[in-house]
Amino acid sequence: MGQAPVPALFTPVPAPLSPRSPTLASCVVMTQAQRKHLESRLLQERDRINQLLSRYAAQNENEDDQDQAGDLTKMPLHMADQGTDTMQQELDAVMVDRESKTLAEIDAALERMYNHPEQFGICENSGKEIPFARLDIVPWARTC
């Protein structure tokens, strides 16, 4: 004798959509085409940052402070010139640091995509799927 099916204890009722609740489109599992698109975006962005960092390293390797500032002599003509040179060096260092951090995030996203595909596109805070629209803009995003 077969057992009768157990009736459901409750019928799930969809929650009303609020401005903060995810839409149906953001809850749909990513397609293979979307994953390929995001992989391509990550690799393009990785190449762009590597080229930028290489260009910066090559530029700074071949020039001394005098060449970088465009000075004709080693003697600064004005204290403001020294300040401008220092400010430019600091801005360059901040840019390199920011791009290096972004490169590390991209590498981490590629590692998640290749080695742990079930974790790619999942918010680290909430455990929910990150909307594809957000990943399309920032493919290395870790949070929704």
Protein backbone atom coordinates (compact mmCIF):
# COMPACT_ATOMS: atom_id res chain seq x y z
CA MET A 1 0.00 0.00 0.00
CA GLY A 2 1.28 3.35 -0.95
CA GLN A 3 1.17 6.25 1.40
CA ALA A 4 -1.06 9.18 0.67
CA PRO A 5 0.79 12.38 -0.19
CA VAL A 6 1.34 14.62 2.79
CA PRO A 7 -0.57 17.88 2.41
CA ALA A 8 1.52 21.03 2.49
CA LEU A 9 1.42 22.70 5.88
CA PHE A 10 1.23 26.10 4.31
CA THR A 11 1.04 27.65 0.91
CA PRO A 12 3.86 30.09 0.25
CA VAL A 13 2.60 33.58 -0.39
CA PRO A 14 4.87 35.88 -2.35
CA ALA A 15 6.01 38.88 -0.38
CA PRO A 16 4.92 42.24 -1.74
CA LEU A 17 7.60 43.99 -3.73
CA SER A 18 9.09 47.01 -2.05
CA PRO A 19 11.57 49.41 -3.64
CA ARG A 20 14.39 47.50 -1.93
CA SER A 21 13.24 43.96 -2.66
CA PRO A 22 14.87 42.20 -5.61
CA THR A 23 12.95 42.01 -8.84
CA LEU A 24 12.31 38.76 -10.64
CA ALA A 25 15.04 39.63 -13.14
CA SER A 26 17.67 39.97 -10.41
CA CYS A 27 16.73 36.61 -8.83
CA VAL A 28 17.14 34.55 -12.00
CA VAL A 29 20.23 32.35 -12.05
CA MET A 30 22.92 33.58 -14.43
CA THR A 31 22.98 32.00 -17.86
CA GLN A 32 26.13 30.62 -19.45
CA ALA A 33 26.14 33.56 -21.89
CA GLN A 34 26.00 36.04 -18.99
CA ARG A 35 28.88 34.25 -17.25
CA LYS A 36 30.95 34.36 -20.46
CA HIS A 37 30.15 38.06 -20.84
CA LEU A 38 31.29 38.77 -17.25
CA GLU A 39 34.42 36.67 -17.72
CA SER A 40 35.25 38.68 -20.84
CA ARG A 41 34.66 41.96 -18.97
CA LEU A 42 36.90 40.84 -16.10
CA LEU A 43 39.70 39.82 -18.46
CA GLN A 44 39.44 43.09 -20.43
CA GLU A 45 39.55 45.15 -17.26
CA ARG A 46 42.49 43.09 -15.98
CA ASP A 47 44.42 43.72 -19.21
CA ARG A 48 43.64 47.45 -19.08
CA ILE A 49 44.92 47.77 -15.51
CA ASN A 50 48.04 45.70 -16.23
CA GLN A 51 48.85 47.94 -19.21
CA LEU A 52 48.31 51.06 -17.13
CA LEU A 53 50.56 49.81 -14.31
CA SER A 54 53.24 48.68 -16.78
CA ARG A 55 53.17 52.06 -18.51
CA TYR A 56 53.49 53.85 -15.17
CA ALA A 57 56.39 51.60 -14.08
CA ALA A 58 58.22 52.09 -17.40
CA GLN A 59 57.71 55.85 -17.26
CA ASN A 60 59.07 56.12 -13.73
CA GLU A 61 61.92 53.70 -14.36
CA ASN A 62 63.42 55.78 -17.15
CA GLU A 63 62.99 59.24 -15.64
CA ASP A 64 64.47 60.87 -12.60
CA ASP A 65 62.65 63.56 -10.59
CA GLN A 66 64.07 66.32 -12.79
CA ASP A 67 62.79 64.73 -16.01
CA GLN A 68 59.38 63.96 -14.53
CA ALA A 69 58.90 67.55 -13.42
CA GLY A 70 60.16 68.94 -16.72
CA ASP A 71 62.81 71.00 -14.90
CA LEU A 72 65.86 72.19 -16.74
CA THR A 73 68.07 72.22 -13.64
CA LYS A 74 68.34 70.22 -10.45
CA MET A 75 67.88 73.41 -8.43
CA PRO A 76 64.20 74.13 -7.78
CA LEU A 77 63.30 77.66 -8.75
CA HIS A 78 60.43 78.01 -6.37
CA MET A 79 58.96 76.20 -3.36
CA ALA A 80 55.66 75.90 -5.24
CA ASP A 81 57.46 73.83 -7.88
CA GLN A 82 58.55 71.40 -5.20
CA GLY A 83 55.00 71.24 -3.84
CA THR A 84 53.57 70.57 -7.28
CA ASP A 85 56.11 67.79 -7.90
CA THR A 86 55.37 66.21 -4.52
CA MET A 87 51.63 66.42 -5.07
CA GLN A 88 51.95 64.75 -8.50
CA GLN A 89 54.04 61.93 -7.01
CA GLU A 90 51.43 61.39 -4.29
CA LEU A 91 48.59 61.37 -6.83
CA ASP A 92 50.48 58.82 -8.92
CA ALA A 93 51.08 56.64 -5.85
CA VAL A 94 47.38 56.78 -4.91
CA MET A 95 46.38 55.87 -8.48
CA VAL A 96 48.78 52.90 -8.53
CA ASP A 97 47.51 51.74 -5.13
CA ARG A 98 43.85 51.99 -6.22
CA GLU A 99 44.44 50.18 -9.49
CA SER A 100 46.46 47.47 -7.72
CA LYS A 101 43.59 46.88 -5.29
CA THR A 102 41.13 46.71 -8.18
CA LEU A 103 43.42 44.21 -9.92
CA ALA A 104 43.43 42.06 -6.77
CA GLU A 105 39.60 42.19 -6.68
CA ILE A 106 39.43 41.17 -10.34
CA ASP A 107 41.82 38.26 -9.73
CA ALA A 108 39.69 37.17 -6.75
CA ALA A 109 36.54 37.35 -8.89
CA LEU A 110 38.18 35.26 -11.64
CA GLU A 111 39.28 32.73 -9.03
CA ARG A 112 35.70 32.50 -7.70
CA MET A 113 34.40 32.15 -11.25
CA TYR A 114 36.83 29.36 -12.17
CA ASN A 115 37.34 27.48 -8.89
CA HIS A 116 34.10 28.13 -7.00
CA PRO A 117 31.45 29.00 -9.62
CA GLU A 118 28.64 28.56 -7.09
CA GLN A 119 30.07 31.52 -5.12
CA PHE A 120 30.50 33.89 -8.06
CA GLY A 121 27.71 36.45 -8.19
CA ILE A 122 26.59 35.74 -4.62
CA CYS A 123 26.59 38.60 -2.09
CA GLU A 124 29.11 37.95 0.70
CA ASN A 125 26.91 39.83 3.20
CA SER A 126 23.43 38.55 2.48
CA GLY A 127 24.05 35.31 0.55
CA LYS A 128 21.63 36.49 -2.15
CA GLU A 129 22.38 36.65 -5.82
CA ILE A 130 23.95 39.93 -7.00
CA PRO A 131 21.81 41.46 -9.77
CA PHE A 132 23.33 40.96 -13.22
CA ALA A 133 22.96 44.69 -13.94
CA ARG A 134 25.35 45.43 -11.04
CA LEU A 135 27.80 42.72 -12.13
CA ASP A 136 27.73 44.09 -15.65
CA ILE A 137 28.95 47.44 -14.33
CA VAL A 138 31.36 46.08 -11.67
CA PRO A 139 31.97 42.40 -12.53
CA TRP A 140 34.23 41.91 -9.49
CA ALA A 141 31.51 43.06 -7.05
CA ARG A 142 31.30 40.99 -3.86
CA THR A 143 28.15 42.55 -2.45
CA CYS A 144 24.73 43.53 -3.73
